[in-house]
N, C-alpha and C. Protein backbone atom coordinates (compact mmCIF):
# COMPACT_ATOMS: atom_id res chain seq x y z
N MET A 1 0.82 -1.21 0.01
CA MET A 1 -0.06 0.00 -0.01
C MET A 1 0.85 1.24 -0.03
N THR A 2 0.57 2.16 -0.89
CA THR A 2 1.29 3.44 -0.95
C THR A 2 0.53 4.48 -0.14
N ARG A 3 1.09 5.06 0.82
CA ARG A 3 0.47 6.07 1.60
C ARG A 3 1.19 7.43 1.58
N SER A 4 2.31 7.41 0.89
CA SER A 4 3.04 8.65 0.63
C SER A 4 3.73 8.51 -0.67
N GLY A 5 4.07 9.66 -1.18
CA GLY A 5 4.68 9.62 -2.57
C GLY A 5 5.19 10.99 -2.87
N LEU A 6 5.61 11.04 -4.08
CA LEU A 6 6.10 12.31 -4.55
C LEU A 6 5.05 12.99 -5.40
N ASN A 7 5.17 14.28 -5.49
CA ASN A 7 4.24 15.05 -6.34
C ASN A 7 4.84 15.11 -7.78
N VAL A 8 4.05 15.66 -8.71
CA VAL A 8 4.42 15.81 -10.08
C VAL A 8 5.68 16.67 -10.37
N LEU A 9 6.06 17.46 -9.31
CA LEU A 9 7.28 18.23 -9.42
C LEU A 9 8.53 17.53 -8.88
N GLY A 10 8.31 16.28 -8.30
CA GLY A 10 9.42 15.49 -7.81
C GLY A 10 9.62 15.75 -6.28
N GLY A 11 8.83 16.58 -5.68
CA GLY A 11 9.00 16.93 -4.28
C GLY A 11 7.99 16.03 -3.42
N GLU A 12 8.03 16.30 -2.10
CA GLU A 12 7.12 15.69 -1.15
C GLU A 12 5.64 15.96 -1.53
N LEU A 13 4.79 15.02 -1.51
CA LEU A 13 3.40 15.25 -1.71
C LEU A 13 2.81 15.90 -0.48
N ILE A 14 2.24 17.05 -0.70
CA ILE A 14 1.63 17.78 0.46
C ILE A 14 0.19 17.62 0.41
N PRO A 15 -0.54 17.76 1.50
CA PRO A 15 -1.95 17.58 1.65
C PRO A 15 -2.79 18.42 0.58
N CYS A 16 -3.82 17.88 0.16
CA CYS A 16 -4.73 18.57 -0.79
C CYS A 16 -5.81 19.33 -0.03
N SER A 17 -6.55 18.53 0.87
CA SER A 17 -7.60 19.19 1.60
C SER A 17 -8.03 18.27 2.77
N TYR A 18 -8.21 18.94 3.95
CA TYR A 18 -8.71 18.29 5.14
C TYR A 18 -10.24 18.69 5.37
N ASP A 19 -10.63 19.70 4.66
CA ASP A 19 -12.04 20.20 4.74
C ASP A 19 -12.49 20.70 3.38
N PRO A 20 -13.11 19.93 2.61
CA PRO A 20 -13.58 18.56 2.91
C PRO A 20 -12.34 17.53 2.87
N LEU A 21 -12.53 16.51 3.67
CA LEU A 21 -11.50 15.46 3.75
C LEU A 21 -11.47 14.70 2.49
N THR A 22 -10.37 14.74 1.81
CA THR A 22 -10.26 14.05 0.53
C THR A 22 -9.27 12.96 0.46
N GLY A 23 -9.14 12.42 -0.75
CA GLY A 23 -8.12 11.34 -0.94
C GLY A 23 -8.76 9.93 -0.89
N TYR A 24 -8.16 9.05 -1.66
CA TYR A 24 -8.63 7.68 -1.70
C TYR A 24 -8.61 7.14 -0.30
N PHE A 25 -7.61 7.45 0.51
CA PHE A 25 -7.59 6.93 1.92
C PHE A 25 -8.29 7.84 2.91
N ARG A 26 -8.83 8.95 2.40
CA ARG A 26 -9.47 10.02 3.25
C ARG A 26 -8.47 10.43 4.31
N ASP A 27 -7.27 10.76 3.81
CA ASP A 27 -6.23 11.23 4.72
C ASP A 27 -5.79 12.68 4.33
N GLY A 28 -6.53 13.30 3.42
CA GLY A 28 -6.24 14.67 3.01
C GLY A 28 -5.24 14.76 1.86
N CYS A 29 -4.68 13.66 1.49
CA CYS A 29 -3.64 13.69 0.41
C CYS A 29 -4.16 12.80 -0.80
N CYS A 30 -3.53 13.08 -1.88
CA CYS A 30 -3.90 12.41 -3.12
C CYS A 30 -2.99 11.18 -3.30
N ASN A 31 -2.86 10.42 -2.19
CA ASN A 31 -2.12 9.10 -2.22
C ASN A 31 -2.86 8.07 -2.93
N THR A 32 -2.17 7.02 -3.32
CA THR A 32 -2.88 5.94 -4.10
C THR A 32 -2.18 4.60 -3.85
N ASN A 33 -2.82 3.55 -4.33
CA ASN A 33 -2.23 2.26 -4.28
C ASN A 33 -2.89 1.49 -5.43
N ASP A 34 -2.49 0.17 -5.61
CA ASP A 34 -3.02 -0.60 -6.71
C ASP A 34 -4.49 -0.82 -6.63
N GLU A 35 -5.10 -0.69 -5.45
CA GLU A 35 -6.48 -0.91 -5.24
C GLU A 35 -7.35 0.30 -5.66
N ASP A 36 -6.72 1.42 -5.84
CA ASP A 36 -7.33 2.63 -6.24
C ASP A 36 -7.69 2.65 -7.70
N ALA A 37 -8.73 1.98 -8.08
CA ALA A 37 -9.12 1.81 -9.47
C ALA A 37 -9.35 3.09 -10.21
N GLY A 38 -9.79 4.13 -9.45
CA GLY A 38 -10.03 5.41 -10.09
C GLY A 38 -8.79 6.29 -10.16
N THR A 39 -7.72 5.92 -9.52
CA THR A 39 -6.48 6.67 -9.51
C THR A 39 -6.79 8.13 -9.13
N HIS A 40 -7.21 8.36 -7.84
CA HIS A 40 -7.55 9.64 -7.28
C HIS A 40 -6.34 10.41 -6.95
N VAL A 41 -5.57 11.02 -7.97
CA VAL A 41 -4.30 11.57 -7.74
C VAL A 41 -4.11 13.02 -8.08
N ILE A 42 -5.15 13.60 -8.70
CA ILE A 42 -4.97 15.03 -9.12
C ILE A 42 -5.72 15.93 -8.13
N CYS A 43 -4.96 16.71 -7.43
CA CYS A 43 -5.50 17.69 -6.50
C CYS A 43 -6.00 18.91 -7.23
N ALA A 44 -7.36 19.04 -7.29
CA ALA A 44 -7.93 20.16 -7.98
C ALA A 44 -8.78 21.08 -7.18
N LYS A 45 -8.85 22.34 -7.55
CA LYS A 45 -9.78 23.27 -6.95
C LYS A 45 -10.94 23.25 -7.87
N VAL A 46 -12.04 22.52 -7.43
CA VAL A 46 -13.16 22.34 -8.36
C VAL A 46 -13.94 23.61 -8.70
N THR A 47 -14.38 23.62 -9.96
CA THR A 47 -15.22 24.71 -10.42
C THR A 47 -16.62 24.27 -10.59
N GLN A 48 -17.57 25.16 -10.72
CA GLN A 48 -18.99 24.77 -10.97
C GLN A 48 -19.08 24.12 -12.34
N ALA A 49 -18.28 24.57 -13.35
CA ALA A 49 -18.32 23.94 -14.63
C ALA A 49 -17.90 22.52 -14.53
N PHE A 50 -16.84 22.29 -13.74
CA PHE A 50 -16.35 20.86 -13.59
C PHE A 50 -17.45 20.02 -12.92
N LEU A 51 -17.92 20.52 -11.86
CA LEU A 51 -18.98 19.79 -11.03
C LEU A 51 -20.16 19.44 -11.90
N ASP A 52 -20.61 20.41 -12.71
CA ASP A 52 -21.78 20.09 -13.59
C ASP A 52 -21.38 19.07 -14.60
N PHE A 53 -20.19 19.15 -15.16
CA PHE A 53 -19.67 18.16 -16.11
C PHE A 53 -19.62 16.77 -15.49
N SER A 54 -19.11 16.69 -14.25
CA SER A 54 -18.97 15.38 -13.55
C SER A 54 -20.34 14.77 -13.31
N VAL A 55 -21.27 15.50 -12.95
CA VAL A 55 -22.66 15.04 -12.68
C VAL A 55 -23.22 14.55 -14.02
N ALA A 56 -22.97 15.26 -15.18
CA ALA A 56 -23.49 14.85 -16.46
C ALA A 56 -22.80 13.49 -16.86
N ARG A 57 -21.61 13.27 -16.41
CA ARG A 57 -20.86 12.04 -16.69
C ARG A 57 -21.21 10.91 -15.74
N GLY A 58 -22.11 11.14 -14.78
CA GLY A 58 -22.59 10.12 -13.92
C GLY A 58 -21.84 10.07 -12.57
N ASN A 59 -21.04 11.05 -12.31
CA ASN A 59 -20.30 11.06 -11.06
C ASN A 59 -20.74 12.36 -10.20
N ASP A 60 -21.77 12.15 -9.43
CA ASP A 60 -22.29 13.27 -8.66
C ASP A 60 -21.44 13.57 -7.42
N LEU A 61 -20.64 14.62 -7.55
CA LEU A 61 -19.78 15.09 -6.48
C LEU A 61 -20.48 16.22 -5.65
N VAL A 62 -21.68 16.52 -6.00
CA VAL A 62 -22.33 17.66 -5.39
C VAL A 62 -23.33 17.20 -4.26
N THR A 63 -24.00 16.13 -4.47
CA THR A 63 -25.05 15.66 -3.53
C THR A 63 -24.34 15.08 -2.26
N PRO A 64 -24.77 15.53 -1.08
CA PRO A 64 -24.20 14.92 0.09
C PRO A 64 -24.54 13.46 0.20
N ARG A 65 -23.57 12.63 0.66
CA ARG A 65 -23.78 11.20 0.95
C ARG A 65 -23.25 10.91 2.36
N PRO A 66 -24.07 11.21 3.35
CA PRO A 66 -23.67 10.96 4.68
C PRO A 66 -23.17 9.52 5.08
N GLU A 67 -23.76 8.60 4.41
CA GLU A 67 -23.30 7.22 4.59
C GLU A 67 -21.81 6.94 4.25
N TYR A 68 -21.29 7.82 3.47
CA TYR A 68 -19.92 7.79 3.07
C TYR A 68 -19.05 8.90 3.75
N ARG A 69 -19.71 9.60 4.69
CA ARG A 69 -19.08 10.76 5.30
C ARG A 69 -18.70 11.80 4.24
N PHE A 70 -19.58 12.00 3.30
CA PHE A 70 -19.33 12.98 2.21
C PHE A 70 -20.34 14.07 2.14
N ALA A 71 -19.96 15.27 2.41
CA ALA A 71 -20.89 16.37 2.55
C ALA A 71 -21.26 17.02 1.14
N GLY A 72 -20.64 16.54 0.04
CA GLY A 72 -20.83 17.13 -1.24
C GLY A 72 -19.92 18.29 -1.46
N LEU A 73 -19.50 18.44 -2.69
CA LEU A 73 -18.59 19.55 -3.05
C LEU A 73 -19.31 20.75 -3.58
N LYS A 74 -18.65 21.94 -3.37
CA LYS A 74 -19.10 23.16 -3.98
C LYS A 74 -17.83 23.81 -4.63
N ALA A 75 -18.14 24.68 -5.60
CA ALA A 75 -17.05 25.33 -6.27
C ALA A 75 -16.08 25.98 -5.30
N GLY A 76 -14.81 25.82 -5.57
CA GLY A 76 -13.77 26.32 -4.65
C GLY A 76 -13.17 25.27 -3.74
N ASP A 77 -13.91 24.17 -3.56
CA ASP A 77 -13.31 23.09 -2.67
C ASP A 77 -12.16 22.48 -3.47
N ARG A 78 -11.18 21.96 -2.66
CA ARG A 78 -10.14 21.15 -3.21
C ARG A 78 -10.39 19.69 -3.03
N TRP A 79 -10.12 18.84 -4.05
CA TRP A 79 -10.53 17.47 -4.06
C TRP A 79 -9.54 16.65 -4.89
N CYS A 80 -9.24 15.46 -4.43
CA CYS A 80 -8.38 14.49 -5.28
C CYS A 80 -9.30 13.85 -6.30
N LEU A 81 -9.08 14.30 -7.56
CA LEU A 81 -9.82 13.74 -8.66
C LEU A 81 -9.12 12.57 -9.32
N CYS A 82 -10.02 11.76 -9.95
CA CYS A 82 -9.51 10.66 -10.74
C CYS A 82 -8.79 11.28 -11.99
N ALA A 83 -7.63 10.73 -12.31
CA ALA A 83 -6.75 11.29 -13.33
C ALA A 83 -7.55 11.17 -14.71
N LEU A 84 -8.20 10.14 -15.02
CA LEU A 84 -8.91 10.02 -16.23
C LEU A 84 -10.10 11.08 -16.37
N ARG A 85 -10.76 11.29 -15.22
CA ARG A 85 -11.89 12.29 -15.21
C ARG A 85 -11.31 13.69 -15.53
N TRP A 86 -10.21 13.98 -14.88
CA TRP A 86 -9.55 15.37 -15.20
C TRP A 86 -9.19 15.40 -16.62
N ARG A 87 -8.58 14.30 -17.14
CA ARG A 87 -8.25 14.38 -18.61
C ARG A 87 -9.44 14.50 -19.44
N GLU A 88 -10.51 13.84 -19.11
CA GLU A 88 -11.73 13.97 -19.84
C GLU A 88 -12.27 15.38 -19.78
N ALA A 89 -12.14 16.03 -18.63
CA ALA A 89 -12.57 17.41 -18.45
C ALA A 89 -11.74 18.30 -19.22
N LEU A 90 -10.46 18.10 -19.30
CA LEU A 90 -9.47 18.82 -20.15
C LEU A 90 -9.96 18.76 -21.61
N GLN A 91 -10.33 17.61 -22.02
CA GLN A 91 -10.74 17.47 -23.45
C GLN A 91 -12.03 18.22 -23.68
N ALA A 92 -12.86 18.38 -22.65
CA ALA A 92 -14.15 19.07 -22.81
C ALA A 92 -14.10 20.53 -22.45
N ASP A 93 -12.84 21.08 -22.15
CA ASP A 93 -12.60 22.41 -21.82
C ASP A 93 -13.27 22.91 -20.51
N VAL A 94 -13.26 21.96 -19.55
CA VAL A 94 -13.79 22.35 -18.23
C VAL A 94 -12.94 21.80 -17.09
N ALA A 95 -11.62 21.54 -17.39
CA ALA A 95 -10.71 21.04 -16.39
C ALA A 95 -10.48 22.13 -15.34
N PRO A 96 -10.61 21.71 -14.06
CA PRO A 96 -10.35 22.64 -12.99
C PRO A 96 -8.89 22.89 -12.76
N PRO A 97 -8.55 23.97 -12.10
CA PRO A 97 -7.17 24.25 -11.69
C PRO A 97 -6.67 23.11 -10.73
N VAL A 98 -5.30 22.88 -10.84
CA VAL A 98 -4.71 21.84 -10.06
C VAL A 98 -3.65 22.42 -9.11
N VAL A 99 -3.35 21.86 -7.97
CA VAL A 99 -2.36 22.15 -7.07
C VAL A 99 -1.22 21.14 -7.34
N LEU A 100 -0.22 21.54 -8.04
CA LEU A 100 0.86 20.70 -8.37
C LEU A 100 1.57 19.97 -7.22
N GLU A 101 1.79 20.71 -6.24
CA GLU A 101 2.52 20.21 -5.04
C GLU A 101 1.71 19.07 -4.35
N SER A 102 0.37 19.05 -4.62
CA SER A 102 -0.49 18.07 -3.93
C SER A 102 -0.91 17.07 -4.96
N THR A 103 -0.47 17.04 -6.21
CA THR A 103 -0.88 16.07 -7.19
C THR A 103 0.16 14.98 -7.28
N HIS A 104 -0.22 13.77 -7.07
CA HIS A 104 0.66 12.62 -7.03
C HIS A 104 1.32 12.32 -8.35
N GLU A 105 2.65 11.96 -8.35
CA GLU A 105 3.36 11.70 -9.62
C GLU A 105 2.74 10.67 -10.53
N LYS A 106 1.84 9.83 -9.99
CA LYS A 106 1.25 8.85 -10.87
C LYS A 106 0.23 9.52 -11.91
N ALA A 107 -0.12 10.77 -11.63
CA ALA A 107 -0.95 11.45 -12.62
C ALA A 107 -0.25 11.53 -14.01
N LEU A 108 1.06 11.55 -13.94
CA LEU A 108 1.85 11.75 -15.17
C LEU A 108 1.71 10.47 -16.08
N LYS A 109 1.09 9.43 -15.58
CA LYS A 109 0.80 8.28 -16.52
C LYS A 109 -0.43 8.56 -17.36
N TYR A 110 -1.16 9.62 -17.01
CA TYR A 110 -2.38 9.90 -17.72
C TYR A 110 -2.41 11.25 -18.42
N VAL A 111 -1.71 12.25 -17.84
CA VAL A 111 -1.58 13.55 -18.43
C VAL A 111 -0.21 14.08 -18.30
N SER A 112 0.18 15.08 -19.12
CA SER A 112 1.54 15.54 -19.04
C SER A 112 1.75 16.59 -17.98
N LEU A 113 2.96 16.78 -17.61
CA LEU A 113 3.27 17.84 -16.67
C LEU A 113 2.89 19.21 -17.30
N ALA A 114 3.19 19.40 -18.61
CA ALA A 114 2.81 20.61 -19.36
C ALA A 114 1.36 20.87 -19.20
N GLN A 115 0.45 19.85 -19.32
CA GLN A 115 -1.00 20.04 -19.25
C GLN A 115 -1.35 20.47 -17.84
N LEU A 116 -0.70 19.79 -16.85
CA LEU A 116 -1.00 20.18 -15.45
C LEU A 116 -0.52 21.62 -15.17
N ARG A 117 0.66 21.98 -15.59
CA ARG A 117 1.24 23.34 -15.36
C ARG A 117 0.31 24.35 -15.98
N GLU A 118 -0.28 24.08 -17.16
CA GLU A 118 -1.24 25.03 -17.72
C GLU A 118 -2.40 25.40 -16.81
N PHE A 119 -2.78 24.47 -15.99
CA PHE A 119 -3.93 24.72 -15.07
C PHE A 119 -3.48 24.79 -13.64
N ALA A 120 -2.17 25.11 -13.41
CA ALA A 120 -1.68 25.19 -12.08
C ALA A 120 -2.31 26.31 -11.30
N TRP A 121 -2.65 26.02 -10.04
CA TRP A 121 -3.17 27.02 -9.10
C TRP A 121 -2.42 26.96 -7.79
N ALA A 122 -1.89 28.03 -7.33
CA ALA A 122 -1.06 28.01 -6.13
C ALA A 122 -1.92 28.51 -4.90
N PRO A 123 -2.11 27.73 -3.92
CA PRO A 123 -2.96 28.14 -2.77
C PRO A 123 -2.39 29.31 -1.95
N HIS A 124 -1.19 29.66 -2.14
CA HIS A 124 -0.65 30.69 -1.24
C HIS A 124 -0.53 31.99 -1.86
């Protein structure tokens, strides 16, 4: 099981969000392992356009699901997205900004660093 890793810049993977609590392991980081079929590795600052797109694609990230301790996302929240969903959003011109320091290096198997840099958002 991988619980820590490097980010796409080659540095230490820093947390994406504790509120809402994100990540495949719900540890605040975009960590992954072989059981993470969705590859939840891209830390994004979600936009309303992306959330609407995701709902239209069958992944409702807006509706609260208390049984999964999920309050639902709103525009501006940071969340570990599936790499393929982010790439699909990129192709549809609705890709949300990403936090490079919080995006796991495994994302580079699905998208290029240049693509991620184009959408880079710095939280500080």
